[in-house]
Protein backbone atom coordinates (compact mmCIF):
# COMPACT_ATOMS: atom_id res chain seq x y z
CA UNK A 1 -19.92 -6.81 23.09
CA UNK A 2 -18.67 -3.43 21.75
CA UNK A 3 -19.66 -1.53 24.77
CA UNK A 4 -17.99 -4.51 26.99
CA UNK A 5 -14.70 -3.74 24.96
CA UNK A 6 -15.02 -0.30 25.06
CA UNK A 7 -14.81 -0.21 29.10
CA UNK A 8 -12.70 -2.36 30.00
CA UNK A 9 -9.96 -1.41 27.29
CA UNK A 10 -7.07 -0.31 28.85
CA UNK A 11 -6.33 3.82 29.38
CA UNK A 12 -3.59 5.11 27.26
CA UNK A 13 -1.97 7.30 29.39
CA UNK A 14 1.48 7.86 28.03
CA UNK A 15 4.08 9.61 30.26
CA UNK A 16 4.38 8.07 33.66
CA UNK A 17 6.05 4.06 34.24
CA UNK A 18 3.28 3.44 36.43
CA UNK A 19 -0.03 4.09 35.60
CA UNK A 20 -3.34 2.54 37.80
CA UNK A 21 -5.62 0.96 35.45
CA UNK A 22 -8.04 0.29 37.83
CA UNK A 23 -7.99 0.16 41.94
CA UNK A 24 -6.48 -3.34 41.41
CA UNK A 25 -4.86 -3.09 37.93
CA UNK A 26 -1.05 -1.49 37.60
CA UNK A 27 0.21 -0.90 34.24
CA UNK A 28 3.96 -0.64 33.73
CA UNK A 29 5.88 0.63 30.97
CA UNK A 30 9.03 -1.09 31.18
CA UNK A 31 12.06 0.65 29.47
CA UNK A 32 14.85 -0.94 31.30
CA UNK A 33 14.34 -3.15 34.55
CA UNK A 34 11.48 -3.12 36.96
CA UNK A 35 11.33 -4.44 39.97
CA UNK A 36 7.77 -6.36 40.88
CA UNK A 37 6.23 -9.37 43.28
CA UNK A 38 6.71 -12.63 42.43
CA UNK A 39 4.00 -14.12 40.37
CA UNK A 40 2.48 -10.52 40.38
CA UNK A 41 2.43 -10.38 36.26
CA UNK A 42 -1.15 -11.10 34.91
CA UNK A 43 -0.05 -9.66 31.05
CA UNK A 44 2.49 -8.19 28.71
CA UNK A 45 3.09 -6.85 25.53
CA UNK A 46 6.30 -5.95 23.72
CA UNK A 47 9.98 -7.91 24.45
CA UNK A 48 10.02 -8.81 28.28
CA UNK A 49 11.50 -11.27 30.34
CA UNK A 50 10.93 -12.25 33.32
CA UNK A 51 13.53 -13.74 36.21
CA UNK A 52 13.31 -14.67 40.21
CA UNK A 53 15.65 -12.03 42.25
CA UNK A 54 18.64 -14.29 42.70
CA UNK A 55 19.16 -15.63 46.54
CA UNK A 56 22.53 -13.58 46.63
CA UNK A 57 21.75 -10.75 44.88
CA UNK A 58 22.74 -7.60 46.80
CA UNK A 59 25.04 -8.96 49.34
CA UNK A 60 25.13 -12.18 51.36
CA UNK A 61 24.15 -10.23 54.07
CA UNK A 62 20.65 -9.14 52.43
CA UNK A 63 20.37 -12.84 51.12
CA UNK A 64 20.67 -14.02 55.25
CA UNK A 65 18.14 -11.67 56.58
CA UNK A 66 15.82 -12.56 53.82
CA UNK A 67 15.40 -16.39 54.53
CA UNK A 68 15.76 -15.78 58.43
CA UNK A 69 12.60 -13.66 58.54
CA UNK A 70 10.18 -14.94 55.83
CA UNK A 71 8.83 -11.67 55.88
CA UNK A 72 10.05 -10.39 52.04
CA UNK A 73 8.37 -12.38 49.28
CA UNK A 74 10.63 -12.89 46.78
CA UNK A 75 11.01 -10.35 43.76
CA UNK A 76 11.00 -10.43 39.31
CA UNK A 77 13.21 -8.79 37.83
CA UNK A 78 10.38 -7.59 34.49
CA UNK A 79 13.67 -6.10 31.99
CA UNK A 80 13.34 -5.52 28.24
CA UNK A 81 10.82 -3.02 26.28
CA UNK A 82 7.17 -3.51 26.94
CA UNK A 83 4.37 -2.99 28.62
CA UNK A 84 3.05 -5.49 32.03
CA UNK A 85 0.14 -5.61 33.99
CA UNK A 86 0.55 -6.49 37.45
CA UNK A 87 -1.98 -7.51 40.26
CA UNK A 88 -2.23 -9.30 43.37
CA UNK A 89 -5.19 -11.32 43.98
CA UNK A 90 -7.73 -8.29 44.03
CA UNK A 91 -5.91 -5.80 46.51
CA UNK A 92 -6.40 -2.31 46.34
CA UNK A 93 -2.73 -0.80 44.48
CA UNK A 94 -1.37 2.98 46.00
CA UNK A 95 1.50 4.34 43.74
CA UNK A 96 3.94 6.29 45.47
CA UNK A 97 6.34 8.62 44.55
CA UNK A 98 9.71 8.75 46.11
CA UNK A 99 11.82 11.88 45.84
CA UNK A 100 15.17 10.76 47.75
CA UNK A 101 13.02 10.26 50.69
CA UNK A 102 13.25 6.35 52.14
CA UNK A 103 9.51 4.65 53.05
CA UNK A 104 9.34 1.62 55.42
CA UNK A 105 6.82 -1.35 53.55
CA UNK A 106 5.76 -4.54 54.92
CA UNK A 107 7.01 -7.23 52.16
CA UNK A 108 3.75 -8.44 52.04
CA UNK A 109 2.58 -5.20 50.86
CA UNK A 110 5.20 -4.24 47.88
CA UNK A 111 3.49 -4.84 44.60
CA UNK A 112 6.63 -3.40 42.85
CA UNK A 113 8.90 -0.34 42.10
CA UNK A 114 11.27 0.96 39.80
CA UNK A 115 14.68 0.26 39.37
CA UNK A 116 15.95 3.66 40.44
CA UNK A 117 14.53 2.80 44.20
CA UNK A 118 16.80 0.94 46.20
CA UNK A 119 15.68 -1.62 48.45
CA UNK A 120 16.77 -3.65 51.84
CA UNK A 121 15.44 -5.96 54.41
CA UNK A 122 15.74 -3.97 57.59
CA UNK A 123 15.60 -5.35 60.76
CA UNK A 124 13.58 -4.27 64.17
CA UNK A 125 15.69 -4.54 66.83
CA UNK A 126 13.34 -3.47 69.42
CA UNK A 127 10.91 -6.00 68.93
CA UNK A 128 12.52 -8.84 67.37
CA UNK A 129 11.68 -12.33 68.46
CA UNK A 130 8.23 -10.98 69.39
CA UNK A 131 6.05 -10.62 66.64
CA UNK A 132 7.21 -11.64 63.05
CA UNK A 133 5.06 -8.95 61.51
CA UNK A 134 7.03 -6.64 63.13
CA UNK A 135 10.78 -7.74 62.99
CA UNK A 136 11.05 -7.07 59.73
CA UNK A 137 9.98 -4.77 57.03
CA UNK A 138 11.36 -3.61 53.07
CA UNK A 139 13.29 -0.12 53.45
CA UNK A 140 13.02 1.67 50.25
CA UNK A 141 14.95 5.13 48.83
CA UNK A 142 15.75 6.79 46.16
CA UNK A 143 13.79 8.67 43.70
CA UNK A 144 11.19 6.71 41.25
CA UNK A 145 7.92 5.05 41.98
CA UNK A 146 6.48 2.99 43.99
CA UNK A 147 2.92 0.51 44.49
CA UNK A 148 1.65 -0.69 47.44
CA UNK A 149 -0.82 -3.55 48.04
CA UNK A 150 -3.48 -3.10 50.57
CA UNK A 151 -7.23 -4.77 51.37
CA UNK A 152 -9.03 -2.07 50.74
CA UNK A 153 -8.47 1.55 50.93
CA UNK A 154 -5.52 2.29 52.88
CA UNK A 155 -5.50 4.79 55.88
CA UNK A 156 -2.32 7.04 56.48
CA UNK A 157 -2.46 8.48 60.32
CA UNK A 158 -0.10 11.46 61.06
CA UNK A 159 2.10 10.50 64.09
CA UNK A 160 3.46 13.80 66.12
CA UNK A 161 5.67 13.77 69.35
CA UNK A 162 2.94 14.56 71.22
CA UNK A 163 0.86 11.75 69.31
CA UNK A 164 1.80 9.03 69.09
CA UNK A 165 0.19 6.02 66.79
CA UNK A 166 -1.03 2.34 68.04
CA UNK A 167 -1.25 -0.04 65.30
CA UNK A 168 -1.87 -4.03 65.15
CA UNK A 169 1.04 -5.63 63.23
CA UNK A 170 -1.14 -7.45 60.73
CA UNK A 171 -3.02 -4.02 59.71
CA UNK A 172 0.22 -2.09 59.20
CA UNK A 173 1.22 -1.65 55.81
CA UNK A 174 4.42 0.90 55.72
CA UNK A 175 5.69 4.13 57.78
CA UNK A 176 7.75 6.91 56.99
CA UNK A 177 11.58 6.31 57.46
CA UNK A 178 11.86 8.95 60.87
CA UNK A 179 10.09 6.70 62.65
CA UNK A 180 11.10 3.32 64.09
CA UNK A 181 8.48 1.08 65.58
CA UNK A 182 8.13 -0.20 69.52
CA UNK A 183 6.10 -3.08 70.51
CA UNK A 184 3.82 -3.15 73.06
CA UNK A 185 1.60 -5.71 75.03
CA UNK A 186 -1.70 -4.81 76.12
CA UNK A 187 -3.90 -7.58 77.65
CA UNK A 188 -6.45 -5.42 78.56
CA UNK A 189 -7.32 -5.53 74.83
CA UNK A 190 -7.20 -8.84 73.31
CA UNK A 191 -10.99 -9.00 73.33
CA UNK A 192 -11.49 -5.70 70.92
CA UNK A 193 -8.10 -5.07 69.39
CA UNK A 194 -6.76 -7.90 67.02
CA UNK A 195 -7.73 -11.36 67.09
CA UNK A 196 -7.99 -12.11 70.98
CA UNK A 197 -7.37 -15.02 72.51
CA UNK A 198 -4.09 -14.52 74.12
CA UNK A 199 -1.40 -11.00 74.61
CA UNK A 200 -2.05 -8.25 71.97
CA UNK A 201 0.63 -6.95 70.10
CA UNK A 202 0.64 -3.43 68.97
CA UNK A 203 3.07 -1.19 67.07
CA UNK A 204 3.87 2.09 68.76
CA UNK A 205 5.39 4.50 66.38
CA UNK A 206 6.67 7.87 68.11
CA UNK A 207 8.19 10.64 66.37
CA UNK A 208 7.21 13.17 63.10
CA UNK A 209 6.37 11.18 60.48
CA UNK A 210 3.09 8.86 59.27
CA UNK A 211 1.60 5.59 59.02
CA UNK A 212 -0.12 3.69 56.54
CA UNK A 213 -2.77 0.86 57.59
CA UNK A 214 -5.26 -1.26 55.88
CA UNK A 215 -8.58 -2.23 57.13
CA UNK A 216 -7.87 -5.99 57.22
CA UNK A 217 -5.67 -7.93 59.24
CA UNK A 218 -3.67 -9.71 57.60
CA UNK A 219 -2.60 -13.35 58.60
CA UNK A 220 1.50 -13.48 57.71
CA UNK A 221 1.11 -17.47 58.65
CA UNK A 222 -1.02 -18.49 56.14
CA UNK A 223 -2.99 -15.96 54.44
CA UNK A 224 -6.27 -16.59 55.38
CA UNK A 225 -8.22 -13.52 56.73
CA UNK A 226 -9.35 -13.05 60.43
């Protein structure tokens, strides 16, 4: 029993607001307010309160965009003084430290972010009306930490003007600010790329930046694995 308690005990690393207790468990030191995916809290210590983000919080346009998209899952405001532990269905967690830059994240892949990071739901007109998974994303900007979710270890692909990246919308979890996705339909790949059985949709990223993908195709309708 003693060995188990020692091996599974929390790692006490003072300092950063976000710390990985394991690849699938995030420790958050709350000193004021932090935002997280609704339902991601698994345990906490201290004097903390948890409230669902109000529908009109952030303005009417954001509320309308979120209602139409269905892509941005509800957020929870964690407020007070204490420590909480976040996880989501055993997914891997990656911490990114924004330093005044921006990041676009698939709404299903966002676990938590500091209150110093601004967030908004963005519609990508280039793919509007063609695929729900590539239509909306969450734009994060500012100074602070962001925690992303992925099924398995994520892969970051460099995008250059001479070498665009083509990605399955259901496997794409994030991309940098300076590139904007376009949508391409390729019938020739329908049996080997994605789920098959129809038109194959690819997100095409061009410019100078990066794209983050996961080794898994997210089913945005039911959450079931392909």
